[in-house]
PDB file of N, CA and C in Angstrom:
ATOM      1  N   MET A   1     144.404 205.282  93.949  1.00  0.00           N
ATOM      2  CA  MET A   1     143.765 204.548  92.870  1.00  0.00           C
ATOM      3  C   MET A   1     143.052 204.744  91.687  1.00  0.00           C
ATOM      4  N   LEU A   2     143.130 204.735  90.728  1.00  0.00           N
ATOM      5  CA  LEU A   2     142.387 204.856  89.479  1.00  0.00           C
ATOM      6  C   LEU A   2     140.961 204.655  89.575  1.00  0.00           C
ATOM      7  N   SER A   3     140.067 205.371  88.978  1.00  0.00           N
ATOM      8  CA  SER A   3     138.574 204.833  88.957  1.00  0.00           C
ATOM      9  C   SER A   3     138.244 204.193  87.710  1.00  0.00           C
ATOM     10  N   LEU A   4     137.678 203.019  87.862  1.00  0.00           N
ATOM     11  CA  LEU A   4     137.292 201.816  87.119  1.00  0.00           C
ATOM     12  C   LEU A   4     136.316 202.800  85.797  1.00  0.00           C
ATOM     13  N   PHE A   5     135.762 203.635  86.043  1.00  0.00           N
ATOM     14  CA  PHE A   5     134.796 204.276  84.771  1.00  0.00           C
ATOM     15  C   PHE A   5     134.984 205.424  85.021  1.00  0.00           C
ATOM     16  N   PRO A   6     136.446 206.330  84.590  1.00  0.00           N
ATOM     17  CA  PRO A   6     136.314 207.727  84.647  1.00  0.00           C
ATOM     18  C   PRO A   6     135.438 208.546  83.831  1.00  0.00           C
ATOM     19  N   THR A   7     135.244 207.794  82.869  1.00  0.00           N
ATOM     20  CA  THR A   7     133.944 208.816  81.886  1.00  0.00           C
ATOM     21  C   THR A   7     132.729 208.972  82.351  1.00  0.00           C
ATOM     22  N   LEU A   8     132.214 208.698  83.424  1.00  0.00           N
ATOM     23  CA  LEU A   8     131.225 208.672  84.251  1.00  0.00           C
ATOM     24  C   LEU A   8     131.262 210.008  84.995  1.00  0.00           C
ATOM     25  N   PHE A   9     132.421 210.659  85.291  1.00  0.00           N
ATOM     26  CA  PHE A   9     132.347 211.766  86.220  1.00  0.00           C
ATOM     27  C   PHE A   9     131.922 212.844  85.582  1.00  0.00           C
ATOM     28  N   ALA A  10     131.865 212.571  84.084  1.00  0.00           N
ATOM     29  CA  ALA A  10     131.461 213.999  83.403  1.00  0.00           C
ATOM     30  C   ALA A  10     129.917 213.963  83.590  1.00  0.00           C
ATOM     31  N   PHE A  11     128.967 212.908  83.974  1.00  0.00           N
ATOM     32  CA  PHE A  11     127.675 213.030  84.718  1.00  0.00           C
ATOM     33  C   PHE A  11     127.273 213.420  85.868  1.00  0.00           C
ATOM     34  N   LYS A  12     128.650 213.967  86.884  1.00  0.00           N
ATOM     35  CA  LYS A  12     128.265 214.299  88.343  1.00  0.00           C
ATOM     36  C   LYS A  12     127.184 215.374  88.069  1.00  0.00           C
ATOM     37  N   PHE A  13     127.226 215.982  87.792  1.00  0.00           N
ATOM     38  CA  PHE A  13     125.896 216.941  88.112  1.00  0.00           C
ATOM     39  C   PHE A  13     124.609 216.560  88.127  1.00  0.00           C
ATOM     40  N   PHE A  14     124.226 215.236  87.127  1.00  0.00           N
ATOM     41  CA  PHE A  14     123.005 214.815  87.222  1.00  0.00           C
ATOM     42  C   PHE A  14     123.057 213.430  88.429  1.00  0.00           C
ATOM     43  N   ALA A  15     124.067 213.147  89.371  1.00  0.00           N
ATOM     44  CA  ALA A  15     123.991 212.598  90.454  1.00  0.00           C
ATOM     45  C   ALA A  15     123.058 213.411  91.227  1.00  0.00           C
ATOM     46  N   PRO A  16     122.684 214.532  91.912  1.00  0.00           N
ATOM     47  CA  PRO A  16     121.703 215.148  92.732  1.00  0.00           C
ATOM     48  C   PRO A  16     120.543 214.899  92.250  1.00  0.00           C
ATOM     49  N   THR A  17     120.212 215.208  90.589  1.00  0.00           N
ATOM     50  CA  THR A  17     118.678 215.275  90.386  1.00  0.00           C
ATOM     51  C   THR A  17     118.409 213.831  90.727  1.00  0.00           C
ATOM     52  N   ILE A  18     119.179 212.858  90.293  1.00  0.00           N
ATOM     53  CA  ILE A  18     118.682 211.622  90.850  1.00  0.00           C
ATOM     54  C   ILE A  18     117.801 211.357  92.300  1.00  0.00           C
ATOM     55  N   ILE A  19     118.729 211.702  93.122  1.00  0.00           N
ATOM     56  CA  ILE A  19     118.478 211.602  94.620  1.00  0.00           C
ATOM     57  C   ILE A  19     117.420 212.537  94.604  1.00  0.00           C
ATOM     58  N   ARG A  20     117.612 213.944  94.143  1.00  0.00           N
ATOM     59  CA  ARG A  20     116.205 214.493  94.330  1.00  0.00           C
ATOM     60  C   ARG A  20     114.650 214.225  94.098  1.00  0.00           C
ATOM     61  N   LEU A  21     114.962 213.649  92.676  1.00  0.00           N
ATOM     62  CA  LEU A  21     113.792 213.161  92.019  1.00  0.00           C
ATOM     63  C   LEU A  21     113.027 211.862  92.975  1.00  0.00           C
ATOM     64  N   VAL A  22     113.705 211.032  93.510  1.00  0.00           N
ATOM     65  CA  VAL A  22     113.373 209.851  93.895  1.00  0.00           C
ATOM     66  C   VAL A  22     112.904 210.248  95.433  1.00  0.00           C
ATOM     67  N   LEU A  23     114.003 211.358  96.062  1.00  0.00           N
ATOM     68  CA  LEU A  23     113.452 211.789  97.666  1.00  0.00           C
ATOM     69  C   LEU A  23     112.068 212.554  96.970  1.00  0.00           C
ATOM     70  N   GLY A  24     111.849 213.323  96.067  1.00  0.00           N
ATOM     71  CA  GLY A  24     110.886 213.938  96.050  1.00  0.00           C
ATOM     72  C   GLY A  24     109.336 212.791  96.315  1.00  0.00           C
ATOM     73  N   ILE A  25     109.523 211.907  95.375  1.00  0.00           N
ATOM     74  CA  ILE A  25     108.587 211.024  95.261  1.00  0.00           C
ATOM     75  C   ILE A  25     108.446 209.986  96.389  1.00  0.00           C
ATOM     76  N   LEU A  26     109.201 209.882  97.087  1.00  0.00           N
ATOM     77  CA  LEU A  26     109.139 209.209  98.537  1.00  0.00           C
ATOM     78  C   LEU A  26     108.439 209.784  99.481  1.00  0.00           C
ATOM     79  N   PHE A  27     108.693 211.590  99.701  1.00  0.00           N
ATOM     80  CA  PHE A  27     107.857 212.190 100.762  1.00  0.00           C
ATOM     81  C   PHE A  27     106.618 212.535 100.198  1.00  0.00           C
ATOM     82  N   ILE A  28     106.173 212.385  98.635  1.00  0.00           N
ATOM     83  CA  ILE A  28     105.087 212.536  98.406  1.00  0.00           C
ATOM     84  C   ILE A  28     104.232 211.161  98.733  1.00  0.00           C
ATOM     85  N   LYS A  29     104.727 210.066  98.533  1.00  0.00           N
ATOM     86  CA  LYS A  29     104.139 208.770  98.763  1.00  0.00           C
ATOM     87  C   LYS A  29     103.845 208.774 100.536  1.00  0.00           C
ATOM     88  N   ILE A  30     105.226 209.178 100.947  1.00  0.00           N
ATOM     89  CA  ILE A  30     104.861 209.074 102.839  1.00  0.00           C
ATOM     90  C   ILE A  30     103.625 209.916 103.156  1.00  0.00           C
ATOM     91  N   ALA A  31     103.532 211.183 102.356  1.00  0.00           N
ATOM     92  CA  ALA A  31     102.499 212.263 102.749  1.00  0.00           C
ATOM     93  C   ALA A  31     101.047 211.512 102.518  1.00  0.00           C
ATOM     94  N   SER A  32     101.179 210.904 100.867  1.00  0.00           N
ATOM     95  CA  SER A  32      99.723 210.162 101.076  1.00  0.00           C
ATOM     96  C   SER A  32      99.487 209.044 102.026  1.00  0.00           C
ATOM     97  N   LYS A  33     100.112 208.465 102.287  1.00  0.00           N
ATOM     98  CA  LYS A  33      99.956 207.250 103.348  1.00  0.00           C
ATOM     99  C   LYS A  33      99.739 207.854 104.357  1.00  0.00           C
ATOM    100  N   LYS A  34     100.446 208.677 105.213  1.00  0.00           N
ATOM    101  CA  LYS A  34     100.026 209.602 106.294  1.00  0.00           C
ATOM    102  C   LYS A  34      98.498 210.146 106.325  1.00  0.00           C
ATOM    103  N   TRP A  35      98.126 210.688 105.020  1.00  0.00           N
ATOM    104  CA  TRP A  35      96.890 211.446 104.978  1.00  0.00           C
ATOM    105  C   TRP A  35      95.680 210.502 105.114  1.00  0.00           C
ATOM    106  N   GLY A  36      96.211 209.168 104.479  1.00  0.00           N
ATOM    107  CA  GLY A  36      95.051 208.117 104.820  1.00  0.00           C
ATOM    108  C   GLY A  36      94.889 207.459 106.339  1.00  0.00           C
ATOM    109  N   GLU A  37      96.159 207.448 106.572  1.00  0.00           N
ATOM    110  CA  GLU A  37      95.788 207.041 108.342  1.00  0.00           C
ATOM    111  C   GLU A  37      95.454 208.219 109.238  1.00  0.00           C
ATOM    112  N   ASN A  38      95.765 208.896 109.140  1.00  0.00           N
ATOM    113  CA  ASN A  38      94.919 210.431 109.525  1.00  0.00           C
ATOM    114  C   ASN A  38      93.723 211.277 109.152  1.00  0.00           C
ATOM    115  N   ARG A  39      92.797 210.112 108.412  1.00  0.00           N
ATOM    116  CA  ARG A  39      91.695 211.120 107.514  1.00  0.00           C
ATOM    117  C   ARG A  39      90.851 211.431 108.922  1.00  0.00           C
ATOM    118  N   GLY A  40      90.640 210.166 109.800  1.00  0.00           N
ATOM    119  CA  GLY A  40      89.645 210.850 110.945  1.00  0.00           C
ATOM    120  C   GLY A  40      90.383 211.515 112.112  1.00  0.00           C
ATOM    121  N   LYS A  41      91.379 211.611 112.041  1.00  0.00           N
ATOM    122  CA  LYS A  41      91.808 212.517 113.231  1.00  0.00           C
ATOM    123  C   LYS A  41      92.184 214.000 112.583  1.00  0.00           C
ATOM    124  N   LYS A  42      91.741 214.880 113.710  1.00  0.00           N
ATOM    125  CA  LYS A  42      92.072 216.390 113.909  1.00  0.00           C
ATOM    126  C   LYS A  42      93.312 216.548 114.329  1.00  0.00           C
ATOM    127  N   GLY A  43      93.923 217.670 113.936  1.00  0.00           N
ATOM    128  CA  GLY A  43      94.638 217.960 114.802  1.00  0.00           C
ATOM    129  C   GLY A  43      95.761 218.946 113.905  1.00  0.00           C
ATOM    130  N   PHE A  44      96.429 219.740 114.727  1.00  0.00           N
ATOM    131  CA  PHE A  44      97.876 220.811 113.923  1.00  0.00           C
ATOM    132  C   PHE A  44      98.833 219.386 113.505  1.00  0.00           C
ATOM    133  N   ALA A  45      99.271 218.912 114.588  1.00  0.00           N
ATOM    134  CA  ALA A  45     100.406 218.177 114.331  1.00  0.00           C
ATOM    135  C   ALA A  45     100.200 217.144 113.143  1.00  0.00           C
ATOM    136  N   ALA A  46      99.164 216.260 113.207  1.00  0.00           N
ATOM    137  CA  ALA A  46      98.729 215.401 112.063  1.00  0.00           C
ATOM    138  C   ALA A  46      99.036 216.443 110.763  1.00  0.00           C
ATOM    139  N   THR A  47      98.009 217.212 110.419  1.00  0.00           N
ATOM    140  CA  THR A  47      98.002 217.959 109.206  1.00  0.00           C
ATOM    141  C   THR A  47      99.166 218.753 108.942  1.00  0.00           C
ATOM    142  N   SER A  48      99.853 219.171 110.112  1.00  0.00           N
ATOM    143  CA  SER A  48     101.489 219.690 109.106  1.00  0.00           C
ATOM    144  C   SER A  48     102.306 218.607 108.970  1.00  0.00           C
ATOM    145  N   GLU A  49     102.059 217.461 109.521  1.00  0.00           N
ATOM    146  CA  GLU A  49     103.140 216.522 109.436  1.00  0.00           C
ATOM    147  C   GLU A  49     103.146 216.285 107.677  1.00  0.00           C
ATOM    148  N   VAL A  50     101.856 216.047 107.207  1.00  0.00           N
ATOM    149  CA  VAL A  50     101.025 215.581 105.749  1.00  0.00           C
ATOM    150  C   VAL A  50     101.298 216.730 104.950  1.00  0.00           C
ATOM    151  N   LEU A  51     101.186 218.038 105.325  1.00  0.00           N
ATOM    152  CA  LEU A  51     101.377 219.158 104.271  1.00  0.00           C
ATOM    153  C   LEU A  51     103.204 219.297 104.075  1.00  0.00           C
ATOM    154  N   VAL A  52     103.724 219.097 105.182  1.00  0.00           N
ATOM    155  CA  VAL A  52     105.011 219.191 104.886  1.00  0.00           C
ATOM    156  C   VAL A  52     105.683 218.264 104.320  1.00  0.00           C
ATOM    157  N   ASN A  53     105.337 216.974 104.304  1.00  0.00           N
ATOM    158  CA  ASN A  53     105.888 216.062 103.744  1.00  0.00           C
ATOM    159  C   ASN A  53     105.392 216.287 101.987  1.00  0.00           C
ATOM    160  N   PHE A  54     104.101 216.440 101.656  1.00  0.00           N
ATOM    161  CA  PHE A  54     103.600 216.679 100.427  1.00  0.00           C
ATOM    162  C   PHE A  54     104.365 217.688  99.753  1.00  0.00           C
ATOM    163  N   LEU A  55     104.248 218.681 100.295  1.00  0.00           N
ATOM    164  CA  LEU A  55     104.863 220.056  99.576  1.00  0.00           C
ATOM    165  C   LEU A  55     106.174 219.713  99.214  1.00  0.00           C
ATOM    166  N   GLY A  56     106.860 219.472 100.544  1.00  0.00           N
ATOM    167  CA  GLY A  56     108.471 218.872 100.524  1.00  0.00           C
ATOM    168  C   GLY A  56     108.669 218.176  99.474  1.00  0.00           C
ATOM    169  N   GLY A  57     108.084 217.337  98.959  1.00  0.00           N
ATOM    170  CA  GLY A  57     108.195 216.285  97.853  1.00  0.00           C
ATOM    171  C   GLY A  57     107.975 217.131  96.564  1.00  0.00           C
ATOM    172  N   ILE A  58     106.934 217.534  96.438  1.00  0.00           N
ATOM    173  CA  ILE A  58     106.282 218.670  95.331  1.00  0.00           C
ATOM    174  C   ILE A  58     107.992 219.525  94.972  1.00  0.00           C
ATOM    175  N   PHE A  59     108.105 220.157  96.083  1.00  0.00           N
ATOM    176  CA  PHE A  59     109.499 221.459  95.952  1.00  0.00           C
ATOM    177  C   PHE A  59     110.651 220.628  95.470  1.00  0.00           C
ATOM    178  N   LEU A  60     111.007 219.498  96.043  1.00  0.00           N
ATOM    179  CA  LEU A  60     112.142 218.443  95.905  1.00  0.00           C
ATOM    180  C   LEU A  60     111.926 218.159  94.143  1.00  0.00           C
ATOM    181  N   PHE A  61     110.686 217.579  93.879  1.00  0.00           N
ATOM    182  CA  PHE A  61     110.485 217.069  92.364  1.00  0.00           C
ATOM    183  C   PHE A  61     111.029 218.004  91.537  1.00  0.00           C
ATOM    184  N   ILE A  62     110.355 219.299  91.719  1.00  0.00           N
ATOM    185  CA  ILE A  62     110.495 220.326  90.877  1.00  0.00           C
ATOM    186  C   ILE A  62     111.976 221.227  90.828  1.00  0.00           C
ATOM    187  N   GLY A  63     112.661 220.991  92.382  1.00  0.00           N
ATOM    188  CA  GLY A  63     113.874 221.615  92.286  1.00  0.00           C
ATOM    189  C   GLY A  63     113.463 223.176  92.510  1.00  0.00           C
ATOM    190  N   LEU A  64     112.638 223.123  93.556  1.00  0.00           N
ATOM    191  CA  LEU A  64     112.167 224.579  93.896  1.00  0.00           C
ATOM    192  C   LEU A  64     112.612 225.014  95.091  1.00  0.00           C
ATOM    193  N   TYR A  65     113.368 225.623  95.554  1.00  0.00           N
ATOM    194  CA  TYR A  65     113.920 226.262  96.705  1.00  0.00           C
ATOM    195  C   TYR A  65     114.331 225.031  97.400  1.00  0.00           C
ATOM    196  N   THR A  66     115.241 224.399  96.771  1.00  0.00           N
ATOM    197  CA  THR A  66     115.973 223.084  97.296  1.00  0.00           C
ATOM    198  C   THR A  66     116.419 222.830  98.536  1.00  0.00           C
ATOM    199  N   GLN A  67     117.360 223.997  98.988  1.00  0.00           N
ATOM    200  CA  GLN A  67     118.101 223.708 100.122  1.00  0.00           C
ATOM    201  C   GLN A  67     117.393 224.177 101.149  1.00  0.00           C
ATOM    202  N   ALA A  68     116.072 225.059 101.086  1.00  0.00           N
ATOM    203  CA  ALA A  68     115.406 225.505 102.402  1.00  0.00           C
ATOM    204  C   ALA A  68     114.349 224.705 102.377  1.00  0.00           C
ATOM    205  N   THR A  69     114.017 223.751 101.298  1.00  0.00           N
ATOM    206  CA  THR A  69     112.956 222.587 101.302  1.00  0.00           C
ATOM    207  C   THR A  69     113.604 221.578 102.386  1.00  0.00           C
ATOM    208  N   VAL A  70     115.051 220.944 101.857  1.00  0.00           N
ATOM    209  CA  VAL A  70     116.183 220.228 102.667  1.00  0.00           C
ATOM    210  C   VAL A  70     115.932 220.424 104.023  1.00  0.00           C
ATOM    211  N   VAL A  71     116.081 221.489 104.539  1.00  0.00           N
ATOM    212  CA  VAL A  71     116.130 221.957 105.935  1.00  0.00           C
ATOM    213  C   VAL A  71     114.464 222.009 106.498  1.00  0.00           C
ATOM    214  N   ILE A  72     113.502 222.005 105.400  1.00  0.00           N
ATOM    215  CA  ILE A  72     112.742 221.824 106.685  1.00  0.00           C
ATOM    216  C   ILE A  72     111.988 220.110 106.559  1.00  0.00           C
ATOM    217  N   LEU A  73     112.915 219.741 105.420  1.00  0.00           N
ATOM    218  CA  LEU A  73     112.318 218.535 105.581  1.00  0.00           C
ATOM    219  C   LEU A  73     113.206 217.632 106.410  1.00  0.00           C
ATOM    220  N   LEU A  74     114.651 217.926 106.773  1.00  0.00           N
ATOM    221  CA  LEU A  74     115.597 217.315 107.671  1.00  0.00           C
ATOM    222  C   LEU A  74     114.767 217.680 109.197  1.00  0.00           C
ATOM    223  N   LEU A  75     114.173 218.556 109.447  1.00  0.00           N
ATOM    224  CA  LEU A  75     113.517 218.870 110.695  1.00  0.00           C
ATOM    225  C   LEU A  75     112.600 218.181 110.776  1.00  0.00           C
ATOM    226  N   SER A  76     111.173 217.665 109.987  1.00  0.00           N
ATOM    227  CA  SER A  76     110.376 217.198 110.146  1.00  0.00           C
ATOM    228  C   SER A  76     111.140 215.552 110.048  1.00  0.00           C
ATOM    229  N   LEU A  77     111.719 214.848 109.375  1.00  0.00           N
ATOM    230  CA  LEU A  77     112.046 213.608 109.608  1.00  0.00           C
ATOM    231  C   LEU A  77     113.086 213.275 110.858  1.00  0.00           C
ATOM    232  N   LEU A  78     113.758 214.243 111.415  1.00  0.00           N
ATOM    233  CA  LEU A  78     114.193 214.646 112.940  1.00  0.00           C
ATOM    234  C   LEU A  78     112.788 214.460 114.108  1.00  0.00           C
ATOM    235  N   ILE A  79     111.929 214.890 113.998  1.00  0.00           N
ATOM    236  CA  ILE A  79     111.168 214.930 114.787  1.00  0.00           C
ATOM    237  C   ILE A  79     110.191 213.751 114.691  1.00  0.00           C
ATOM    238  N   THR A  80     110.105 213.357 113.358  1.00  0.00           N
ATOM    239  CA  THR A  80     109.587 211.829 113.450  1.00  0.00           C
ATOM    240  C   THR A  80     110.014 210.921 113.829  1.00  0.00           C
ATOM    241  N   MET A  81     111.436 210.847 113.514  1.00  0.00           N
ATOM    242  CA  MET A  81     112.347 209.620 114.615  1.00  0.00           C
ATOM    243  C   MET A  81     112.145 209.820 115.916  1.00  0.00           C
ATOM    244  N   ALA A  82     112.356 210.884 116.159  1.00  0.00           N
ATOM    245  CA  ALA A  82     112.352 211.040 117.727  1.00  0.00           C
ATOM    246  C   ALA A  82     111.107 210.807 118.402  1.00  0.00           C
ATOM    247  N   SER A  83     110.210 210.935 117.816  1.00  0.00           N
ATOM    248  CA  SER A  83     108.637 210.238 118.309  1.00  0.00           C
ATOM    249  C   SER A  83     108.218 209.050 117.955  1.00  0.00           C
ATOM    250  N   GLU A  84     108.771 208.420 117.184  1.00  0.00           N
ATOM    251  CA  GLU A  84     108.098 207.012 116.488  1.00  0.00           C
ATOM    252  C   GLU A  84     109.235 205.779 116.734  1.00  0.00           C
ATOM    253  N   TRP A  85     110.604 206.461 117.141  1.00  0.00           N
ATOM    254  CA  TRP A  85     111.958 205.823 116.825  1.00  0.00           C
ATOM    255  C   TRP A  85     111.513 204.199 117.817  1.00  0.00           C
ATOM    256  N   ARG A  86     110.989 204.194 118.669  1.00  0.00           N
ATOM    257  CA  ARG A  86     111.076 203.364 119.852  1.00  0.00           C
ATOM    258  C   ARG A  86     110.078 201.927 119.328  1.00  0.00           C
ATOM    259  N   ASP A  87     108.748 202.499 118.748  1.00  0.00           N
ATOM    260  CA  ASP A  87     107.738 201.702 118.136  1.00  0.00           C
ATOM    261  C   ASP A  87     107.676 200.715 116.972  1.00  0.00           C
ATOM    262  N   ALA A  88     109.149 201.386 116.168  1.00  0.00           N
ATOM    263  CA  ALA A  88     108.871 201.812 114.607  1.00  0.00           C
ATOM    264  C   ALA A  88     110.094 200.111 114.514  1.00  0.00           C
ATOM    265  N   ALA A  89     109.348 199.426 113.170  1.00  0.00           N
ATOM    266  CA  ALA A  89     110.250 198.190 112.775  1.00  0.00           C
ATOM    267  C   ALA A  89     111.676 198.469 112.610  1.00  0.00           C
ATOM    268  N   GLU A  90     112.414 197.678 112.249  1.00  0.00           N
ATOM    269  CA  GLU A  90     113.727 197.868 111.911  1.00  0.00           C
ATOM    270  C   GLU A  90     114.115 198.468 110.604  1.00  0.00           C
ATOM    271  N   SER A  91     113.519 197.891 110.002  1.00  0.00           N
ATOM    272  CA  SER A  91     113.181 198.366 107.971  1.00  0.00           C
ATOM    273  C   SER A  91     112.786 199.627 108.067  1.00  0.00           C
ATOM    274  N   GLN A  92     111.911 199.951 108.839  1.00  0.00           N
ATOM    275  CA  GLN A  92     111.490 201.246 109.401  1.00  0.00           C
ATOM    276  C   GLN A  92     112.383 202.453 109.606  1.00  0.00           C
ATOM    277  N   LYS A  93     113.396 202.212 110.714  1.00  0.00           N
ATOM    278  CA  LYS A  93     114.492 202.664 111.137  1.00  0.00           C
ATOM    279  C   LYS A  93     115.255 203.219 109.917  1.00  0.00           C
ATOM    280  N   GLN A  94     115.350 201.877 109.185  1.00  0.00           N
ATOM    281  CA  GLN A  94     116.649 202.400 108.090  1.00  0.00           C
ATOM    282  C   GLN A  94     116.290 202.878 107.292  1.00  0.00           C
ATOM    283  N   LEU A  95     115.082 203.369 106.706  1.00  0.00           N
ATOM    284  CA  LEU A  95     114.724 203.756 105.971  1.00  0.00           C
ATOM    285  C   LEU A  95     114.796 205.281 106.121  1.00  0.00           C
ATOM    286  N   TRP A  96     114.441 205.489 107.622  1.00  0.00           N
ATOM    287  CA  TRP A  96     114.705 207.185 108.055  1.00  0.00           C
ATOM    288  C   TRP A  96     115.856 207.428 108.110  1.00  0.00           C
ATOM    289  N   VAL A  97     116.909 206.883 108.108  1.00  0.00           N
ATOM    290  CA  VAL A  97     118.382 206.966 108.197  1.00  0.00           C
ATOM    291  C   VAL A  97     118.885 207.444 106.734  1.00  0.00           C
ATOM    292  N   LEU A  98     118.281 206.450 105.823  1.00  0.00           N
ATOM    293  CA  LEU A  98     118.718 206.552 104.371  1.00  0.00           C
ATOM    294  C   LEU A  98     118.321 207.911 103.908  1.00  0.00           C
ATOM    295  N   MET A  99     116.716 207.976 104.208  1.00  0.00           N
ATOM    296  CA  MET A  99     116.620 209.380 104.113  1.00  0.00           C
ATOM    297  C   MET A  99     116.856 210.363 104.898  1.00  0.00           C
ATOM    298  N   PHE A 100     117.385 210.507 105.876  1.00  0.00           N
ATOM    299  CA  PHE A 100     118.130 211.741 106.448  1.00  0.00           C
ATOM    300  C   PHE A 100     119.415 211.660 105.694  1.00  0.00           C
ATOM    301  N   PHE A 101     120.001 210.869 105.519  1.00  0.00           N
ATOM    302  CA  PHE A 101     121.354 211.178 104.628  1.00  0.00           C
ATOM    303  C   PHE A 101     121.421 211.714 103.681  1.00  0.00           C
ATOM    304  N   SER A 102     120.195 210.941 102.962  1.00  0.00           N
ATOM    305  CA  SER A 102     120.305 211.260 101.407  1.00  0.00           C
ATOM    306  C   SER A 102     119.761 212.681 101.204  1.00  0.00           C
ATOM    307  N   THR A 103     118.862 213.217 102.194  1.00  0.00           N
ATOM    308  CA  THR A 103     118.029 214.297 102.596  1.00  0.00           C
ATOM    309  C   THR A 103     119.193 215.773 102.338  1.00  0.00           C
ATOM    310  N   PHE A 104     120.350 214.970 103.279  1.00  0.00           N
ATOM    311  CA  PHE A 104     121.167 216.308 103.867  1.00  0.00           C
ATOM    312  C   PHE A 104     122.371 215.934 102.614  1.00  0.00           C
ATOM    313  N   THR A 105     122.419 215.302 102.153  1.00  0.00           N
ATOM    314  CA  THR A 105     123.400 215.322 100.647  1.00  0.00           C
ATOM    315  C   THR A 105     123.019 216.478  99.623  1.00  0.00           C
ATOM    316  N   LEU A 106     121.538 216.653  99.412  1.00  0.00           N
ATOM    317  CA  LEU A 106     120.844 217.505  98.985  1.00  0.00           C
ATOM    318  C   LEU A 106     121.604 218.801  99.286  1.00  0.00           C
ATOM    319  N   LEU A 107     121.316 219.177 100.502  1.00  0.00           N
ATOM    320  CA  LEU A 107     121.551 220.788 101.561  1.00  0.00           C
ATOM    321  C   LEU A 107     123.159 220.599 100.937  1.00  0.00           C
ATOM    322  N   VAL A 108     123.918 219.551 100.883  1.00  0.00           N
ATOM    323  CA  VAL A 108     125.144 220.148 100.078  1.00  0.00           C
ATOM    324  C   VAL A 108     125.723 220.180  98.841  1.00  0.00           C
ATOM    325  N   THR A 109     125.450 219.355  98.074  1.00  0.00           N
ATOM    326  CA  THR A 109     125.340 219.462  96.872  1.00  0.00           C
ATOM    327  C   THR A 109     124.420 220.532  95.726  1.00  0.00           C
ATOM    328  N   GLY A 110     123.519 220.587  96.093  1.00  0.00           N
ATOM    329  CA  GLY A 110     122.518 221.267  95.543  1.00  0.00           C
ATOM    330  C   GLY A 110     121.492 220.891  94.847  1.00  0.00           C
ATOM    331  N   ALA A 111     120.929 221.084  93.871  1.00  0.00           N
ATOM    332  CA  ALA A 111     119.672 220.353  93.346  1.00  0.00           C
ATOM    333  C   ALA A 111     120.187 219.844  92.165  1.00  0.00           C
ATOM    334  N   GLY A 112     121.038 220.056  91.615  1.00  0.00           N
ATOM    335  CA  GLY A 112     121.565 219.548  90.555  1.00  0.00           C
ATOM    336  C   GLY A 112     120.962 219.798  88.702  1.00  0.00           C
ATOM    337  N   ALA A 113     120.899 218.871  88.431  1.00  0.00           N
ATOM    338  CA  ALA A 113     120.202 219.355  86.363  1.00  0.00           C
ATOM    339  C   ALA A 113     118.620 219.632  86.998  1.00  0.00           C
ATOM    340  N   PHE A 114     118.068 220.161  85.806  1.00  0.00           N
ATOM    341  CA  PHE A 114     116.957 220.164  85.687  1.00  0.00           C
ATOM    342  C   PHE A 114     116.040 220.681  86.858  1.00  0.00           C
ATOM    343  N   ALA A 115     116.498 221.384  87.261  1.00  0.00           N
ATOM    344  CA  ALA A 115     115.961 221.907  88.505  1.00  0.00           C
ATOM    345  C   ALA A 115     115.593 223.502  87.944  1.00  0.00           C
ATOM    346  N   ILE A 116     115.064 224.130  89.019  1.00  0.00           N
ATOM    347  CA  ILE A 116     114.425 225.883  88.891  1.00  0.00           C
ATOM    348  C   ILE A 116     115.234 226.601  89.713  1.00  0.00           C
ATOM    349  N   ASP A 117     115.660 226.071  91.022  1.00  0.00           N
ATOM    350  CA  ASP A 117     117.072 226.677  91.444  1.00  0.00           C
ATOM    351  C   ASP A 117     118.214 225.899  91.088  1.00  0.00           C
ATOM    352  N   LEU A 118     119.098 226.933  90.473  1.00  0.00           N
ATOM    353  CA  LEU A 118     120.243 226.882  89.951  1.00  0.00           C
ATOM    354  C   LEU A 118     121.410 227.189  90.544  1.00  0.00           C
ATOM    355  N   PRO A 119     122.831 226.505  91.120  1.00  0.00           N
ATOM    356  CA  PRO A 119     123.716 227.267  91.676  1.00  0.00           C
ATOM    357  C   PRO A 119     124.258 228.400  91.463  1.00  0.00           C
ATOM    358  N   LEU A 120     124.696 229.312  91.889  1.00  0.00           N
ATOM    359  CA  LEU A 120     125.230 230.553  91.394  1.00  0.00           C
ATOM    360  C   LEU A 120     126.634 230.447  91.323  1.00  0.00           C
TER     361      LEU A 120
END
């Protein structure tokens, strides 16, 4: 079947860019929310989760080491989903699944346009 808008395929290099920028902002927002929740808590797990999400969000946003960052964020998401799945609301579970597969998409497609690391 023919595409309805074939001229849009000229912009396919920008699709991962949009996904990368949105996920970067989302991971930064999650880190800031977790930082507020864990303010009184001390511990390696709470601090490392915030640090991974924050730095991962920054790296995704600027497109630095995108595929390595994606692998680390996917592991972080898997750990979060495994530890909090039973107590999470249905909307939270749906967000985790959407974030997981969107992040995985960046592993396959690369950073896209306007990134520091470009595909060779």
